[in-house]
Amino acid sequence: MQKLNKKQVEGHKNYPEKVLQFGEGNFLRAFVDWQIDVLNKTTDFNGSVVVVQPLGSGMVKMLNEQDGLYTLYLQGMKDGKAVKEHTLIDAVSRGLDLFTQYDQFVELAKNPELRFIFSNTTEAGIAYDETDRLEDQPQKSYPGKLTAFLYHRFQAFQGDAKKGFIIIPCELIDRNGEKLKRIVLQYAAQWNLGEEFVQWLNEANTFCCSLVDRIVPGFPRDTIGEMTEELGYKDDLVVVGEQFHLWVIEGPQWIKEEFPTHLAGLNTLFVDDLTPYRTRKVRILNGAHTAMTPVSYLYGLDTVAEAVDHPVVGPFIKELIFDEIIPTLDLPVEELNYFAHAVLERFMNPFIKHFLMSISLNSMSKYKTRDLPSLVEFIHRKKELPEKLVFSLAALISFYKGKRGTEDIQLSDDKEILDLFRDQWGTFDGTVESLRALVSTILGYEKNWEMDLNAFPGLTDAVTNYLFEIETKGMQMAVEAVLKEKVQN
């Protein structure tokens, strides 16, 4: 079977190179490059991507062998139905290996049509390396490589303010654009690149913070054989992603004129402040994951999809999201409800098997980051305890006992936390009093919570009561009792 290349693509078009992309991995190809492909097909964007391989090893060689082409499979829930579809992405013009093609990288800086720079160099990629030098080919760090490229651009166009870039990093760190710009300016000072260059950096270039969201499992090793038969060609760069996508970009609205995702129906938002969107994702998506895990697993379920689809646990999760998390957030309720429904659809994706135990890693710190803010804010706004969030906290304490019936749970957390729970559960003698002492100690563990949770009126008693129900009646009866409480109230 023939390998994918442009000769096989009827009507293949060469677009002007408008985008420089640092990173050739699965996520960028299934997220950014896919969106550019959609823009080319539905708007007048008319641009292609030059992909830079920032490390010594990568997929640029394979990408060039396929003329930049690859197949994207999108698998997941779409309009309430499980949908699997594929498309050929032809938005990538070529790939560059900086370790063997650095001269072409420098030459690219002279391209007057180049306008955008995207990146995903992992969370550790936006970092300063004091050993980087301008004359290195290439620099070790991504910000070092970027600074060198921007300086070559500045020189090529003699500081023309119209030849700057829109720079949008996709690394999963808070305020990624601000951090990247700060390091670039640090290199500019270290390398003595001059005040004019610094002024051009500040005035001609727009660094945006962004938040990305799409699950990308990557290359489908288990099913590539049947996919190849379906496609009729050999593609070494097939990538699989979920249907859902969200890109929130904090930057000026005029960027939409040059990157018109709104005209293509893409779920890409240009906002003045992405903080509420990051909070929404952490509280609803990540918070629901962490809150559901001990409840669902101790109930006897193993995956996220099983939990959301369950006749008892499913309603518990939905009520937790809609009744207790959403009321603590400040975006319009319509937006929050839409996002929450999309999250639940994603949880039910039949093409992705998301095991609860994989989510349970470091659950104590995750609850503090993802769920405690919702619990505290709910108390602040409603002057009462959020029952489902409190119950999930009790379930978490039960989970750290390390038993699901007679089965051992392979707990994964810091040794100090595991030792704490082992010692506390070792003191439990079956009485409510000993359970309350255990709960008081866990809620008072300020090293994790950064506060004493016993200070919230009624919380210690509520967690103790729920935990006693779980320990004496089992998770199944305890969850049903919590759901009945709402009906009775």
Protein backbone atom coordinates (compact mmCIF):
# COMPACT_ATOMS: atom_id res chain seq x y z
CA MET A 1 0.00 0.00 0.00
CA GLN A 2 1.34 3.42 -0.99
CA LYS A 3 2.44 5.92 1.66
CA LEU A 4 0.47 9.15 1.87
CA ASN A 5 1.86 12.04 -0.20
CA LYS A 6 0.51 15.03 -2.12
CA LYS A 7 0.41 13.15 -5.43
CA GLN A 8 -2.51 11.18 -4.03
CA VAL A 9 -4.47 14.29 -3.07
CA GLU A 10 -6.67 15.66 -5.80
CA GLY A 11 -6.61 19.44 -5.96
CA HIS A 12 -3.80 19.77 -3.43
CA LYS A 13 -3.01 23.45 -2.87
CA ASN A 14 0.19 25.13 -1.70
CA TYR A 15 -0.65 27.92 0.74
CA PRO A 16 1.63 30.83 1.67
CA GLU A 17 3.64 30.16 4.82
CA LYS A 18 1.99 32.32 7.49
CA VAL A 19 2.59 30.26 10.62
CA LEU A 20 5.73 29.16 12.45
CA GLN A 21 5.04 26.35 14.88
CA PHE A 22 7.42 25.10 17.55
CA GLY A 23 6.50 21.46 18.09
CA GLU A 24 5.37 18.69 15.74
CA GLY A 25 3.63 16.47 18.29
CA ASN A 26 0.18 14.94 18.31
CA PHE A 27 -1.57 17.74 20.18
CA LEU A 28 -0.57 20.60 17.90
CA ARG A 29 -1.38 18.57 14.80
CA ALA A 30 -4.80 17.58 16.16
CA PHE A 31 -5.62 21.04 17.52
CA VAL A 32 -3.82 24.04 15.99
CA ASP A 33 -3.01 22.62 12.56
CA TRP A 34 -6.51 21.15 12.30
CA GLN A 35 -8.00 24.59 12.97
CA ILE A 36 -5.77 26.16 10.31
CA ASP A 37 -6.90 23.46 7.89
CA VAL A 38 -10.53 24.35 8.70
CA LEU A 39 -9.77 28.06 8.21
CA ASN A 40 -8.23 27.36 4.79
CA LYS A 41 -11.29 25.38 3.71
CA THR A 42 -13.96 27.75 5.04
CA THR A 43 -12.43 31.26 5.09
CA ASP A 44 -9.90 33.36 3.19
CA PHE A 45 -7.12 32.66 5.74
CA ASN A 46 -5.01 31.07 2.98
CA GLY A 47 -1.99 30.09 5.05
CA SER A 48 0.21 27.12 5.86
CA VAL A 49 2.39 26.06 8.78
CA VAL A 50 6.14 25.59 8.94
CA VAL A 51 6.71 23.10 11.73
CA VAL A 52 9.92 23.30 13.73
CA GLN A 53 11.21 20.26 15.58
CA PRO A 54 12.66 21.86 18.70
CA LEU A 55 14.41 18.72 19.97
CA GLY A 56 17.06 16.52 18.41
CA SER A 57 14.57 13.72 17.81
CA GLY A 58 11.04 13.98 16.52
CA MET A 59 8.66 13.45 13.62
CA VAL A 60 9.79 16.10 11.12
CA LYS A 61 11.45 13.51 8.86
CA MET A 62 8.25 11.46 8.66
CA LEU A 63 6.22 14.64 8.15
CA ASN A 64 8.36 15.70 5.18
CA GLU A 65 8.22 12.20 3.69
CA GLN A 66 4.43 12.61 3.63
CA ASP A 67 4.63 16.17 2.20
CA GLY A 68 3.24 17.54 5.47
CA LEU A 69 0.06 15.49 5.12
CA TYR A 70 -1.55 13.35 7.79
CA THR A 71 -4.96 12.00 8.79
CA LEU A 72 -6.89 13.17 11.85
CA TYR A 73 -9.55 10.93 13.36
CA LEU A 74 -12.03 12.68 15.65
CA GLN A 75 -13.82 10.23 17.93
CA GLY A 76 -16.35 11.06 20.60
CA MET A 77 -19.75 12.47 21.41
CA LYS A 78 -21.18 14.94 18.92
CA ASP A 79 -24.72 16.28 19.30
CA GLY A 80 -25.48 13.47 21.72
CA LYS A 81 -24.22 10.68 19.47
CA ALA A 82 -20.99 8.70 19.33
CA VAL A 83 -19.26 9.85 16.14
CA LYS A 84 -16.04 8.67 14.51
CA GLU A 85 -14.87 10.63 11.46
CA HIS A 86 -11.61 11.41 9.74
CA THR A 87 -10.16 14.16 7.59
CA LEU A 88 -6.94 14.73 5.69
CA ILE A 89 -4.98 17.70 7.06
CA ASP A 90 -2.94 19.60 4.47
CA ALA A 91 -2.16 22.79 6.39
CA VAL A 92 1.52 21.93 6.99
CA SER A 93 3.91 23.01 4.23
CA ARG A 94 7.11 21.49 5.63
CA GLY A 95 9.07 20.64 8.72
CA LEU A 96 12.47 21.89 9.85
CA ASP A 97 14.98 20.08 12.05
CA LEU A 98 16.84 22.87 13.81
CA PHE A 99 19.87 20.67 14.37
CA THR A 100 20.42 20.13 10.64
CA GLN A 101 18.46 22.97 9.01
CA TYR A 102 19.14 25.99 11.20
CA ASP A 103 20.07 28.07 8.15
CA GLN A 104 16.57 27.53 6.74
CA PHE A 105 15.13 28.56 10.11
CA VAL A 106 17.04 31.86 9.91
CA GLU A 107 16.01 32.31 6.28
CA LEU A 108 12.36 31.84 7.28
CA ALA A 109 12.61 35.01 9.37
CA LYS A 110 12.87 36.94 6.10
CA ASN A 111 9.47 35.75 4.87
CA PRO A 112 7.23 38.87 4.82
CA GLU A 113 4.00 36.80 4.94
CA LEU A 114 4.88 35.02 8.18
CA ARG A 115 2.57 36.35 10.90
CA PHE A 116 1.79 33.78 13.63
CA ILE A 117 3.90 31.76 16.05
CA PHE A 118 2.36 28.86 17.98
CA SER A 119 4.04 26.42 20.33
CA ASN A 120 3.57 23.42 22.56
CA THR A 121 6.92 22.44 24.01
CA THR A 122 5.47 20.78 27.16
CA GLU A 123 4.97 22.55 30.48
CA ALA A 124 8.73 22.51 31.03
CA GLY A 125 9.41 24.10 27.65
CA ILE A 126 8.86 27.72 28.62
CA ALA A 127 11.94 27.96 30.78
CA TYR A 128 15.10 30.05 30.96
CA ASP A 129 18.50 28.46 30.32
CA GLU A 130 21.33 30.77 31.25
CA THR A 131 23.76 28.88 28.97
CA ASP A 132 21.86 29.81 25.79
CA ARG A 133 23.69 32.16 23.39
CA LEU A 134 22.54 34.02 20.29
CA GLU A 135 25.18 32.30 18.19
CA ASP A 136 24.05 28.79 19.17
CA GLN A 137 22.54 26.74 16.35
CA PRO A 138 20.12 26.00 17.93
CA GLN A 139 19.69 27.30 21.46
CA LYS A 140 18.71 24.73 24.08
CA SER A 141 15.49 26.33 25.33
CA TYR A 142 12.38 27.18 23.36
CA PRO A 143 12.41 30.85 24.53
CA GLY A 144 16.06 31.03 23.47
CA LYS A 145 15.22 29.73 19.98
CA LEU A 146 12.30 32.14 19.76
CA THR A 147 14.39 35.14 20.84
CA ALA A 148 17.02 34.35 18.21
CA PHE A 149 14.33 34.02 15.53
CA LEU A 150 12.72 37.32 16.53
CA TYR A 151 16.08 39.06 16.43
CA HIS A 152 16.76 37.74 12.92
CA ARG A 153 13.30 39.01 11.94
CA PHE A 154 14.04 42.41 13.45
CA GLN A 155 17.27 42.63 11.47
CA ALA A 156 15.76 41.35 8.21
CA PHE A 157 13.12 44.09 8.17
CA GLN A 158 15.16 46.79 9.93
CA GLY A 159 12.76 47.04 12.85
CA ASP A 160 9.60 47.46 10.72
CA ALA A 161 6.71 47.60 13.20
CA LYS A 162 4.44 45.88 10.67
CA LYS A 163 6.58 42.74 10.60
CA GLY A 164 6.01 41.60 14.19
CA PHE A 165 4.13 38.46 15.19
CA ILE A 166 1.04 37.27 16.99
CA ILE A 167 2.57 34.76 19.41
CA ILE A 168 0.25 32.24 21.08
CA PRO A 169 1.81 29.51 23.23
CA CYS A 170 -0.32 26.45 24.00
CA GLU A 171 1.74 25.05 26.87
CA LEU A 172 -0.43 24.09 29.84
CA ILE A 173 0.91 26.61 32.33
CA ASP A 174 -0.85 29.60 33.82
CA ARG A 175 -0.20 32.92 32.04
CA ASN A 176 1.91 31.14 29.41
CA GLY A 177 2.18 34.14 27.07
CA GLU A 178 3.33 36.48 29.84
CA LYS A 179 5.94 34.00 31.04
CA LEU A 180 7.25 33.46 27.51
CA LYS A 181 7.57 37.19 26.84
CA ARG A 182 9.32 37.74 30.17
CA ILE A 183 11.99 35.16 29.30
CA VAL A 184 12.42 36.53 25.76
CA LEU A 185 13.08 39.98 27.22
CA GLN A 186 15.50 38.39 29.67
CA TYR A 187 17.49 36.91 26.77
CA ALA A 188 17.38 40.23 24.91
CA ALA A 189 19.04 41.86 27.90
CA GLN A 190 21.51 39.03 28.48
CA TRP A 191 22.57 39.01 24.83
CA ASN A 192 22.78 42.82 24.64
CA LEU A 193 20.48 43.00 21.64
CA GLY A 194 19.79 46.69 22.11
CA GLU A 195 16.98 49.01 23.14
CA GLU A 196 15.58 49.26 19.61
CA PHE A 197 15.04 45.50 19.50
CA VAL A 198 13.39 45.56 22.93
CA GLN A 199 11.11 48.36 21.78
CA TRP A 200 10.24 46.36 18.64
CA LEU A 201 9.50 43.30 20.79
CA ASN A 202 7.09 45.30 22.93
CA GLU A 203 5.38 47.33 20.22
CA ALA A 204 5.38 45.14 17.10
CA ASN A 205 4.62 41.77 18.69
CA THR A 206 1.57 40.56 20.58
CA PHE A 207 2.15 37.80 23.13
CA CYS A 208 -1.14 36.15 24.10
CA CYS A 209 -1.96 33.87 27.01
CA SER A 210 -4.08 30.91 25.99
CA LEU A 211 -5.97 27.94 27.38
CA VAL A 212 -6.33 24.81 25.24
CA ASP A 213 -8.66 21.88 25.77
CA ARG A 214 -8.90 18.72 23.67
CA ILE A 215 -8.05 15.15 24.63
CA VAL A 216 -5.60 13.77 22.07
CA PRO A 217 -4.74 10.08 22.64
CA GLY A 218 -2.33 10.28 19.69
CA PHE A 219 -1.27 7.51 17.32
CA PRO A 220 -3.81 4.64 17.34
CA ARG A 221 -1.44 1.70 17.75
CA ASP A 222 -4.23 -0.77 18.55
CA THR A 223 -6.41 0.09 15.55
CA ILE A 224 -3.98 1.41 12.91
CA GLY A 225 -4.40 -1.76 10.82
CA GLU A 226 -8.13 -1.34 10.31
CA MET A 227 -7.71 2.43 9.84
CA THR A 228 -5.16 1.83 7.08
CA GLU A 229 -7.59 -0.49 5.33
CA GLU A 230 -10.31 2.14 5.61
CA LEU A 231 -8.06 4.94 4.29
CA GLY A 232 -6.50 3.02 1.44
CA TYR A 233 -3.04 4.47 2.08
CA LYS A 234 -0.26 4.14 4.66
CA ASP A 235 -0.04 7.07 7.06
CA ASP A 236 2.65 6.94 9.74
CA LEU A 237 1.30 10.12 11.35
CA VAL A 238 -2.35 9.29 11.94
CA VAL A 239 -3.50 11.12 15.06
CA VAL A 240 -6.66 10.58 17.10
CA GLY A 241 -8.47 13.28 19.08
CA GLU A 242 -11.85 13.76 20.72
CA GLN A 243 -14.61 15.75 19.05
CA PHE A 244 -14.63 18.51 21.67
CA HIS A 245 -12.22 21.41 21.36
CA LEU A 246 -11.83 24.75 23.09
CA TRP A 247 -9.19 27.44 22.65
CA VAL A 248 -9.44 30.56 24.80
CA ILE A 249 -7.02 33.28 23.72
CA GLU A 250 -6.48 36.37 25.85
CA GLY A 251 -5.67 39.18 23.48
CA PRO A 252 -7.03 42.11 21.47
CA GLN A 253 -10.17 41.53 19.44
CA TRP A 254 -8.47 42.65 16.21
CA ILE A 255 -6.66 39.30 16.08
CA LYS A 256 -9.96 37.77 14.90
CA GLU A 257 -9.64 39.75 11.69
CA GLU A 258 -6.43 37.89 10.86
CA PHE A 259 -7.30 34.56 12.48
CA PRO A 260 -11.06 34.36 11.77
CA THR A 261 -12.01 31.24 13.70
CA HIS A 262 -15.46 32.72 14.39
CA LEU A 263 -16.22 32.57 10.67
CA ALA A 264 -15.33 28.88 10.59
CA GLY A 265 -17.57 27.86 13.50
CA LEU A 266 -14.63 26.90 15.68
CA ASN A 267 -14.87 26.95 19.46
CA THR A 268 -12.02 29.46 19.75
CA LEU A 269 -12.68 32.53 21.88
CA PHE A 270 -10.77 35.83 22.01
CA VAL A 271 -11.28 37.33 25.45
CA ASP A 272 -9.92 40.17 27.57
CA ASP A 273 -9.27 37.85 30.53
CA LEU A 274 -9.07 34.06 30.35
CA THR A 275 -9.01 33.64 34.15
CA PRO A 276 -12.73 32.78 34.48
CA TYR A 277 -12.39 30.24 31.67
CA ARG A 278 -9.42 28.58 33.33
CA THR A 279 -11.36 28.57 36.60
CA ARG A 280 -14.38 27.08 34.81
CA LYS A 281 -12.29 24.24 33.38
CA VAL A 282 -10.49 23.49 36.64
CA ARG A 283 -13.65 23.62 38.76
CA ILE A 284 -16.08 21.81 36.43
CA LEU A 285 -14.02 19.36 34.38
CA ASN A 286 -11.11 18.65 36.70
CA GLY A 287 -13.19 19.20 39.84
CA ALA A 288 -15.85 16.72 38.73
CA HIS A 289 -13.13 14.18 37.87
CA THR A 290 -11.58 14.40 41.33
CA ALA A 291 -14.89 14.52 43.23
CA MET A 292 -16.38 11.57 41.36
CA THR A 293 -13.36 9.29 41.61
CA PRO A 294 -13.55 8.03 45.23
CA VAL A 295 -17.36 7.88 45.13
CA SER A 296 -17.48 5.96 41.85
CA TYR A 297 -14.56 3.65 42.56
CA LEU A 298 -15.79 2.65 46.01
CA TYR A 299 -19.22 2.08 44.46
CA GLY A 300 -17.56 -0.59 42.33
CA LEU A 301 -17.06 1.26 39.04
CA ASP A 302 -13.77 1.54 37.18
CA THR A 303 -14.09 4.15 34.42
CA VAL A 304 -15.38 7.69 34.03
CA ALA A 305 -17.88 6.63 31.36
CA GLU A 306 -19.33 3.91 33.63
CA ALA A 307 -19.74 6.45 36.42
CA VAL A 308 -21.49 9.15 34.38
CA ASP A 309 -23.81 6.59 32.75
CA HIS A 310 -24.68 4.90 36.06
CA PRO A 311 -28.31 5.25 37.31
CA VAL A 312 -27.18 6.30 40.80
CA VAL A 313 -23.66 7.68 40.52
CA GLY A 314 -24.52 9.54 37.29
CA PRO A 315 -27.18 11.75 38.94
CA PHE A 316 -24.81 12.34 41.88
CA ILE A 317 -22.15 13.69 39.51
CA LYS A 318 -24.62 15.85 37.58
CA GLU A 319 -26.11 17.36 40.74
CA LEU A 320 -22.63 18.04 42.08
CA ILE A 321 -21.76 19.99 38.92
CA PHE A 322 -25.01 21.88 38.33
CA ASP A 323 -26.16 22.45 41.92
CA GLU A 324 -22.87 23.00 43.72
CA ILE A 325 -20.02 23.93 41.36
CA ILE A 326 -21.73 26.13 38.77
CA PRO A 327 -23.34 28.41 41.42
CA THR A 328 -19.83 29.33 42.62
CA LEU A 329 -18.65 30.61 39.21
CA ASP A 330 -19.05 34.07 37.70
CA LEU A 331 -19.47 33.48 33.96
CA PRO A 332 -23.00 33.71 32.48
CA VAL A 333 -24.99 30.67 33.57
CA GLU A 334 -25.80 29.78 29.94
CA GLU A 335 -22.07 29.49 29.17
CA LEU A 336 -21.47 27.44 32.30
CA ASN A 337 -24.35 25.06 31.56
CA TYR A 338 -23.20 24.62 27.96
CA PHE A 339 -19.67 23.82 29.09
CA ALA A 340 -20.92 21.43 31.79
CA HIS A 341 -23.09 19.51 29.32
CA ALA A 342 -20.11 19.30 26.96
CA VAL A 343 -17.97 17.97 29.82
CA LEU A 344 -20.51 15.25 30.59
CA GLU A 345 -20.60 14.28 26.92
CA ARG A 346 -16.83 14.05 26.94
CA PHE A 347 -16.93 11.88 30.05
CA MET A 348 -19.21 9.46 28.16
CA ASN A 349 -16.89 9.19 25.14
CA PRO A 350 -17.04 5.46 24.24
CA PHE A 351 -13.78 5.70 22.30
CA ILE A 352 -11.69 6.70 25.35
CA LYS A 353 -11.38 4.41 28.35
CA HIS A 354 -10.50 6.77 31.21
CA PHE A 355 -9.79 4.75 34.33
CA LEU A 356 -10.72 6.27 37.69
CA MET A 357 -7.52 4.96 39.26
CA SER A 358 -5.47 7.01 36.81
CA ILE A 359 -7.30 10.13 38.03
CA SER A 360 -6.74 9.19 41.68
CA LEU A 361 -3.03 10.04 41.62
CA ASN A 362 -2.32 12.67 44.33
CA SER A 363 -6.02 13.09 45.08
CA MET A 364 -5.46 15.09 48.26
CA SER A 365 -3.68 17.95 46.49
CA LYS A 366 -6.10 17.66 43.56
CA TYR A 367 -9.10 18.06 45.87
CA LYS A 368 -7.48 21.14 47.39
CA THR A 369 -6.88 22.73 43.97
CA ARG A 370 -9.97 21.60 42.09
CA ASP A 371 -12.78 21.13 44.63
CA LEU A 372 -11.98 22.97 47.84
CA PRO A 373 -12.38 26.41 46.16
CA SER A 374 -15.92 25.41 45.09
CA LEU A 375 -16.74 24.12 48.57
CA VAL A 376 -15.46 27.30 50.25
CA GLU A 377 -17.16 29.61 47.75
CA PHE A 378 -20.46 27.72 48.06
CA ILE A 379 -20.36 28.20 51.83
CA HIS A 380 -19.53 31.88 51.35
CA ARG A 381 -22.38 32.50 48.89
CA LYS A 382 -25.09 30.14 50.19
CA LYS A 383 -24.30 30.11 53.91
CA GLU A 384 -24.70 26.33 53.92
CA LEU A 385 -22.65 23.23 53.12
CA PRO A 386 -22.63 21.75 49.61
CA GLU A 387 -23.80 18.18 50.29
CA LYS A 388 -22.22 16.43 47.29
CA LEU A 389 -18.83 18.13 47.65
CA VAL A 390 -18.80 17.34 51.36
CA PHE A 391 -19.81 13.74 50.65
CA SER A 392 -17.01 13.41 48.08
CA LEU A 393 -14.57 14.66 50.71
CA ALA A 394 -15.81 11.94 53.07
CA ALA A 395 -15.47 9.41 50.23
CA LEU A 396 -11.91 10.59 49.64
CA ILE A 397 -11.03 9.89 53.27
CA SER A 398 -12.60 6.46 52.92
CA PHE A 399 -10.69 5.86 49.67
CA TYR A 400 -7.40 6.53 51.46
CA LYS A 401 -8.20 3.64 53.80
CA GLY A 402 -6.88 1.61 50.89
CA LYS A 403 -9.67 -0.93 50.57
CA ARG A 404 -12.53 -1.53 48.15
CA GLY A 405 -14.30 -4.36 49.90
CA THR A 406 -11.65 -7.06 50.23
CA GLU A 407 -9.60 -5.61 47.39
CA ASP A 408 -6.51 -3.49 48.13
CA ILE A 409 -6.39 -0.04 46.49
CA GLN A 410 -3.00 0.90 45.08
CA LEU A 411 -2.86 4.40 46.54
CA SER A 412 -0.49 6.88 44.94
CA ASP A 413 0.43 10.03 46.83
CA ASP A 414 3.23 11.62 48.87
CA LYS A 415 4.62 9.30 51.52
CA GLU A 416 3.74 11.75 54.27
CA ILE A 417 0.08 11.76 53.26
CA LEU A 418 -0.07 7.98 52.93
CA ASP A 419 1.54 7.63 56.37
CA LEU A 420 -0.97 10.08 57.82
CA PHE A 421 -3.96 8.09 56.57
CA ARG A 422 -2.43 4.75 57.58
CA ASP A 423 -1.86 6.02 61.11
CA GLN A 424 -5.31 7.60 61.39
CA TRP A 425 -7.21 4.60 60.03
CA GLY A 426 -5.17 2.47 62.42
CA THR A 427 -6.84 4.27 65.33
CA PHE A 428 -10.41 3.69 64.10
CA ASP A 429 -12.28 1.34 66.43
CA GLY A 430 -15.69 1.41 64.77
CA THR A 431 -17.15 4.20 66.88
CA VAL A 432 -18.37 7.59 65.72
CA GLU A 433 -16.07 9.23 68.24
CA SER A 434 -12.90 7.67 66.80
CA LEU A 435 -14.10 8.49 63.30
CA ARG A 436 -14.65 12.11 64.29
CA ALA A 437 -11.10 12.26 65.67
CA LEU A 438 -9.81 10.85 62.38
CA VAL A 439 -11.79 13.39 60.35
CA SER A 440 -10.66 16.28 62.58
CA THR A 441 -7.02 15.33 62.03
CA ILE A 442 -7.41 15.05 58.23
CA LEU A 443 -9.37 18.31 57.92
CA GLY A 444 -6.78 20.00 60.10
CA TYR A 445 -3.85 18.88 57.94
CA GLU A 446 -2.87 22.40 56.94
CA LYS A 447 0.20 21.30 55.00
CA ASN A 448 -2.18 20.09 52.29
CA TRP A 449 -5.20 22.38 52.71
CA GLU A 450 -3.28 25.57 53.64
CA MET A 451 -6.04 26.15 56.21
CA ASP A 452 -7.83 24.28 58.98
CA LEU A 453 -11.06 22.99 57.44
CA ASN A 454 -12.46 22.29 60.90
CA ALA A 455 -13.01 26.05 61.15
CA PHE A 456 -15.99 25.87 58.76
CA PRO A 457 -19.11 25.49 60.93
CA GLY A 458 -20.65 22.05 60.66
CA LEU A 459 -18.11 20.66 58.18
CA THR A 460 -16.38 18.28 60.60
CA ASP A 461 -19.71 16.83 61.75
CA ALA A 462 -21.03 16.51 58.19
CA VAL A 463 -17.93 14.74 56.90
CA THR A 464 -17.94 12.46 59.96
CA ASN A 465 -21.59 11.55 59.46
CA TYR A 466 -21.15 10.81 55.77
CA LEU A 467 -18.01 8.80 56.44
CA PHE A 468 -19.82 6.78 59.12
CA GLU A 469 -22.58 5.99 56.60
CA ILE A 470 -19.99 4.87 54.04
CA GLU A 471 -18.14 2.71 56.58
CA THR A 472 -21.21 1.08 58.11
CA LYS A 473 -23.62 0.79 55.17
CA GLY A 474 -21.30 0.81 52.17
CA MET A 475 -20.91 3.33 49.37
CA GLN A 476 -23.95 2.23 47.41
CA MET A 477 -26.45 2.87 50.21
CA ALA A 478 -24.59 6.03 51.29
CA VAL A 479 -24.82 7.63 47.83
CA GLU A 480 -28.49 6.74 47.49
CA ALA A 481 -29.15 8.35 50.87
CA VAL A 482 -27.47 11.60 49.74
CA LEU A 483 -29.61 11.71 46.61
CA LYS A 484 -32.75 11.13 48.69
CA GLU A 485 -31.78 14.03 50.95
CA LYS A 486 -32.21 16.40 48.00
CA VAL A 487 -35.64 14.98 47.19
CA GLN A 488 -36.75 15.33 50.82
CA ASN A 489 -35.40 18.88 51.03
